[in-house]
């Protein structure tokens, strides 16, 4: 569904959002450890998200990444679009270049409803919504 980069980005954003509640700035090392992601990969992703104004960063010894209340209102779709562009809206599940209603792949019609529901989910859920789910204690961001 999502690229590995996108999966890491979503988990990283939620991890930083959790830490930002206490007005903390989070380092690349902490994000990588907290999300079970390679540090060099997280560094690139976080720089990209910061450039796209989805997260804030401060350089220096007391620096790191953080989110404010405005950032928490961003949808998961904002992250997906930043990392994977519009591919979730346009790409064929089987990777065909030209898959459509008129020229469908073998999975097109079965996957269509799944894709619609996935798009609704990422557009209708914010980072804050995911934070609330984690705060409930019923959900995890990382396996133990």
C-alpha atoms as a PDB file:
ATOM      1  CA  UNK A   1       0.000   0.000   0.000  1.00  0.00           C
ATOM      2  CA  UNK A   2       2.557   2.583   1.174  1.00  0.00           C
ATOM      3  CA  UNK A   3       6.252   2.648   0.404  1.00  0.00           C
ATOM      4  CA  UNK A   4       8.654   1.762   3.218  1.00  0.00           C
ATOM      5  CA  UNK A   5       9.670   5.446   3.337  1.00  0.00           C
ATOM      6  CA  UNK A   6       6.069   6.436   3.839  1.00  0.00           C
ATOM      7  CA  UNK A   7       5.551   3.857   6.590  1.00  0.00           C
ATOM      8  CA  UNK A   8       8.621   5.188   8.413  1.00  0.00           C
ATOM      9  CA  UNK A   9       7.466   8.779   7.923  1.00  0.00           C
ATOM     10  CA  UNK A  10       4.032   8.117   9.411  1.00  0.00           C
ATOM     11  CA  UNK A  11       5.506   6.291  12.411  1.00  0.00           C
ATOM     12  CA  UNK A  12       8.144   8.996  12.893  1.00  0.00           C
ATOM     13  CA  UNK A  13       5.586  11.805  12.780  1.00  0.00           C
ATOM     14  CA  UNK A  14       3.387  10.056  15.337  1.00  0.00           C
ATOM     15  CA  UNK A  15       6.408   9.337  17.555  1.00  0.00           C
ATOM     16  CA  UNK A  16       7.471  12.995  17.466  1.00  0.00           C
ATOM     17  CA  UNK A  17       3.880  14.082  18.126  1.00  0.00           C
ATOM     18  CA  UNK A  18       3.817  11.893  21.245  1.00  0.00           C
ATOM     19  CA  UNK A  19       7.039  13.472  22.520  1.00  0.00           C
ATOM     20  CA  UNK A  20       5.911  16.989  21.585  1.00  0.00           C
ATOM     21  CA  UNK A  21       3.100  16.818  24.135  1.00  0.00           C
ATOM     22  CA  UNK A  22       5.751  17.454  26.774  1.00  0.00           C
ATOM     23  CA  UNK A  23       7.299  20.185  24.591  1.00  0.00           C
ATOM     24  CA  UNK A  24      10.328  18.002  23.902  1.00  0.00           C
ATOM     25  CA  UNK A  25      12.482  18.069  20.814  1.00  0.00           C
ATOM     26  CA  UNK A  26      13.358  14.652  19.504  1.00  0.00           C
ATOM     27  CA  UNK A  27      16.659  13.657  17.905  1.00  0.00           C
ATOM     28  CA  UNK A  28      17.113  11.448  14.856  1.00  0.00           C
ATOM     29  CA  UNK A  29      18.583   8.746  17.135  1.00  0.00           C
ATOM     30  CA  UNK A  30      15.499   8.802  19.387  1.00  0.00           C
ATOM     31  CA  UNK A  31      13.103   8.675  16.441  1.00  0.00           C
ATOM     32  CA  UNK A  32      14.991   5.788  14.837  1.00  0.00           C
ATOM     33  CA  UNK A  33      15.050   3.846  18.098  1.00  0.00           C
ATOM     34  CA  UNK A  34      11.408   4.637  18.903  1.00  0.00           C
ATOM     35  CA  UNK A  35      10.166   3.477  15.509  1.00  0.00           C
ATOM     36  CA  UNK A  36      12.581   0.604  14.781  1.00  0.00           C
ATOM     37  CA  UNK A  37      13.854   2.387  11.687  1.00  0.00           C
ATOM     38  CA  UNK A  38      17.368   2.825  10.288  1.00  0.00           C
ATOM     39  CA  UNK A  39      18.858   6.092  11.515  1.00  0.00           C
ATOM     40  CA  UNK A  40      20.175   7.248   8.118  1.00  0.00           C
ATOM     41  CA  UNK A  41      16.776   6.587   6.562  1.00  0.00           C
ATOM     42  CA  UNK A  42      14.956   8.517   9.286  1.00  0.00           C
ATOM     43  CA  UNK A  43      17.378  11.432   8.890  1.00  0.00           C
ATOM     44  CA  UNK A  44      16.503  11.806   5.209  1.00  0.00           C
ATOM     45  CA  UNK A  45      12.777  11.418   5.818  1.00  0.00           C
ATOM     46  CA  UNK A  46      12.708  13.952   8.643  1.00  0.00           C
ATOM     47  CA  UNK A  47      14.667  16.509   6.607  1.00  0.00           C
ATOM     48  CA  UNK A  48      12.167  16.078   3.788  1.00  0.00           C
ATOM     49  CA  UNK A  49       9.165  16.435   6.114  1.00  0.00           C
ATOM     50  CA  UNK A  50      10.724  19.533   7.667  1.00  0.00           C
ATOM     51  CA  UNK A  51      11.352  21.083   4.228  1.00  0.00           C
ATOM     52  CA  UNK A  52       7.703  20.448   3.396  1.00  0.00           C
ATOM     53  CA  UNK A  53       6.615  22.202   6.630  1.00  0.00           C
ATOM     54  CA  UNK A  54       4.960  19.100   8.104  1.00  0.00           C
ATOM     55  CA  UNK A  55       7.241  19.163  11.154  1.00  0.00           C
ATOM     56  CA  UNK A  56       9.564  21.681  12.798  1.00  0.00           C
ATOM     57  CA  UNK A  57      13.269  21.272  13.393  1.00  0.00           C
ATOM     58  CA  UNK A  58      15.826  23.180  15.412  1.00  0.00           C
ATOM     59  CA  UNK A  59      19.562  22.757  14.849  1.00  0.00           C
ATOM     60  CA  UNK A  60      22.187  22.622  17.533  1.00  0.00           C
ATOM     61  CA  UNK A  61      22.917  20.769  20.768  1.00  0.00           C
ATOM     62  CA  UNK A  62      19.404  21.320  22.158  1.00  0.00           C
ATOM     63  CA  UNK A  63      17.810  20.874  18.759  1.00  0.00           C
ATOM     64  CA  UNK A  64      15.620  18.207  17.299  1.00  0.00           C
ATOM     65  CA  UNK A  65      12.209  17.749  15.775  1.00  0.00           C
ATOM     66  CA  UNK A  66       8.901  18.817  17.270  1.00  0.00           C
ATOM     67  CA  UNK A  67       5.293  19.495  16.350  1.00  0.00           C
ATOM     68  CA  UNK A  68       2.946  22.285  17.358  1.00  0.00           C
ATOM     69  CA  UNK A  69      -0.853  22.232  17.559  1.00  0.00           C
ATOM     70  CA  UNK A  70      -1.150  23.227  13.891  1.00  0.00           C
ATOM     71  CA  UNK A  71       1.062  20.306  12.828  1.00  0.00           C
ATOM     72  CA  UNK A  72      -1.099  17.865  14.784  1.00  0.00           C
ATOM     73  CA  UNK A  73      -4.070  18.794  12.600  1.00  0.00           C
ATOM     74  CA  UNK A  74      -2.315  17.534   9.468  1.00  0.00           C
ATOM     75  CA  UNK A  75      -3.874  14.447   7.960  1.00  0.00           C
ATOM     76  CA  UNK A  76      -2.083  11.188   7.383  1.00  0.00           C
ATOM     77  CA  UNK A  77      -2.759  11.897   3.685  1.00  0.00           C
ATOM     78  CA  UNK A  78      -0.508  14.974   3.956  1.00  0.00           C
ATOM     79  CA  UNK A  79       2.376  12.722   4.992  1.00  0.00           C
ATOM     80  CA  UNK A  80       1.586  10.127   2.317  1.00  0.00           C
ATOM     81  CA  UNK A  81       1.460  12.785  -0.404  1.00  0.00           C
ATOM     82  CA  UNK A  82       4.730  14.326   0.791  1.00  0.00           C
ATOM     83  CA  UNK A  83       6.583  11.018   0.633  1.00  0.00           C
ATOM     84  CA  UNK A  84       4.784   8.951  -2.023  1.00  0.00           C
ATOM     85  CA  UNK A  85       3.260  11.834  -4.027  1.00  0.00           C
ATOM     86  CA  UNK A  86      -0.161  11.036  -5.466  1.00  0.00           C
ATOM     87  CA  UNK A  87       0.622   7.379  -6.129  1.00  0.00           C
ATOM     88  CA  UNK A  88      -1.995   6.051  -3.719  1.00  0.00           C
ATOM     89  CA  UNK A  89      -4.637   7.854  -5.765  1.00  0.00           C
ATOM     90  CA  UNK A  90      -3.392   6.864  -9.179  1.00  0.00           C
ATOM     91  CA  UNK A  91      -1.228   3.738  -9.178  1.00  0.00           C
ATOM     92  CA  UNK A  92      -2.397   0.291 -10.162  1.00  0.00           C
ATOM     93  CA  UNK A  93      -2.214  -2.302  -7.386  1.00  0.00           C
ATOM     94  CA  UNK A  94      -0.373  -4.621  -9.779  1.00  0.00           C
ATOM     95  CA  UNK A  95       1.984  -1.920 -11.016  1.00  0.00           C
ATOM     96  CA  UNK A  96       0.564  -1.560 -14.522  1.00  0.00           C
ATOM     97  CA  UNK A  97       1.153   1.794 -16.203  1.00  0.00           C
ATOM     98  CA  UNK A  98      -2.335   2.111 -17.644  1.00  0.00           C
ATOM     99  CA  UNK A  99      -4.935   0.555 -15.363  1.00  0.00           C
ATOM    100  CA  UNK A 100      -8.420   2.080 -15.495  1.00  0.00           C
ATOM    101  CA  UNK A 101     -12.106   1.303 -15.611  1.00  0.00           C
ATOM    102  CA  UNK A 102     -11.821   0.864 -19.386  1.00  0.00           C
ATOM    103  CA  UNK A 103      -8.595  -1.131 -19.266  1.00  0.00           C
ATOM    104  CA  UNK A 104      -8.515  -2.837 -15.840  1.00  0.00           C
ATOM    105  CA  UNK A 105      -5.907  -5.182 -14.382  1.00  0.00           C
ATOM    106  CA  UNK A 106      -7.199  -8.495 -12.964  1.00  0.00           C
ATOM    107  CA  UNK A 107      -7.495  -6.979  -9.451  1.00  0.00           C
ATOM    108  CA  UNK A 108      -8.823  -3.544 -10.420  1.00  0.00           C
ATOM    109  CA  UNK A 109     -12.466  -3.940  -9.432  1.00  0.00           C
ATOM    110  CA  UNK A 110     -11.787  -5.968  -6.280  1.00  0.00           C
ATOM    111  CA  UNK A 111      -9.138  -3.522  -5.100  1.00  0.00           C
ATOM    112  CA  UNK A 112     -11.181  -0.433  -5.992  1.00  0.00           C
ATOM    113  CA  UNK A 113     -13.274  -0.517  -2.795  1.00  0.00           C
ATOM    114  CA  UNK A 114     -10.231  -1.217  -0.625  1.00  0.00           C
ATOM    115  CA  UNK A 115      -8.452   1.752  -2.222  1.00  0.00           C
ATOM    116  CA  UNK A 116     -11.456   4.036  -1.657  1.00  0.00           C
ATOM    117  CA  UNK A 117     -11.590   3.040   2.023  1.00  0.00           C
ATOM    118  CA  UNK A 118      -7.839   3.475   2.447  1.00  0.00           C
ATOM    119  CA  UNK A 119      -7.978   6.956   0.936  1.00  0.00           C
ATOM    120  CA  UNK A 120     -10.890   7.905   3.221  1.00  0.00           C
ATOM    121  CA  UNK A 121      -8.943   6.626   6.228  1.00  0.00           C
ATOM    122  CA  UNK A 122      -5.790   8.630   5.498  1.00  0.00           C
ATOM    123  CA  UNK A 123      -7.715  11.781   4.591  1.00  0.00           C
ATOM    124  CA  UNK A 124     -10.019  11.650   7.622  1.00  0.00           C
ATOM    125  CA  UNK A 125      -7.419  10.848  10.295  1.00  0.00           C
ATOM    126  CA  UNK A 126      -5.021  13.414  11.666  1.00  0.00           C
ATOM    127  CA  UNK A 127      -1.781  12.936  13.536  1.00  0.00           C
ATOM    128  CA  UNK A 128      -3.690  14.055  16.618  1.00  0.00           C
ATOM    129  CA  UNK A 129      -6.218  11.232  16.068  1.00  0.00           C
ATOM    130  CA  UNK A 130      -3.372   8.697  16.014  1.00  0.00           C
ATOM    131  CA  UNK A 131      -1.925  10.315  19.148  1.00  0.00           C
ATOM    132  CA  UNK A 132      -5.244   9.868  20.918  1.00  0.00           C
ATOM    133  CA  UNK A 133      -5.314   6.200  19.938  1.00  0.00           C
ATOM    134  CA  UNK A 134      -1.826   5.679  21.365  1.00  0.00           C
ATOM    135  CA  UNK A 135      -2.771   7.567  24.535  1.00  0.00           C
ATOM    136  CA  UNK A 136      -5.678   5.154  25.062  1.00  0.00           C
ATOM    137  CA  UNK A 137      -3.158   2.376  25.660  1.00  0.00           C
ATOM    138  CA  UNK A 138      -4.976   0.063  23.251  1.00  0.00           C
ATOM    139  CA  UNK A 139      -2.564   0.637  20.379  1.00  0.00           C
ATOM    140  CA  UNK A 140       1.206   0.526  19.871  1.00  0.00           C
ATOM    141  CA  UNK A 141       3.653   2.205  17.535  1.00  0.00           C
ATOM    142  CA  UNK A 142       6.397  -0.339  18.052  1.00  0.00           C
ATOM    143  CA  UNK A 143       6.345  -4.044  18.886  1.00  0.00           C
ATOM    144  CA  UNK A 144       8.087  -4.984  22.095  1.00  0.00           C
END
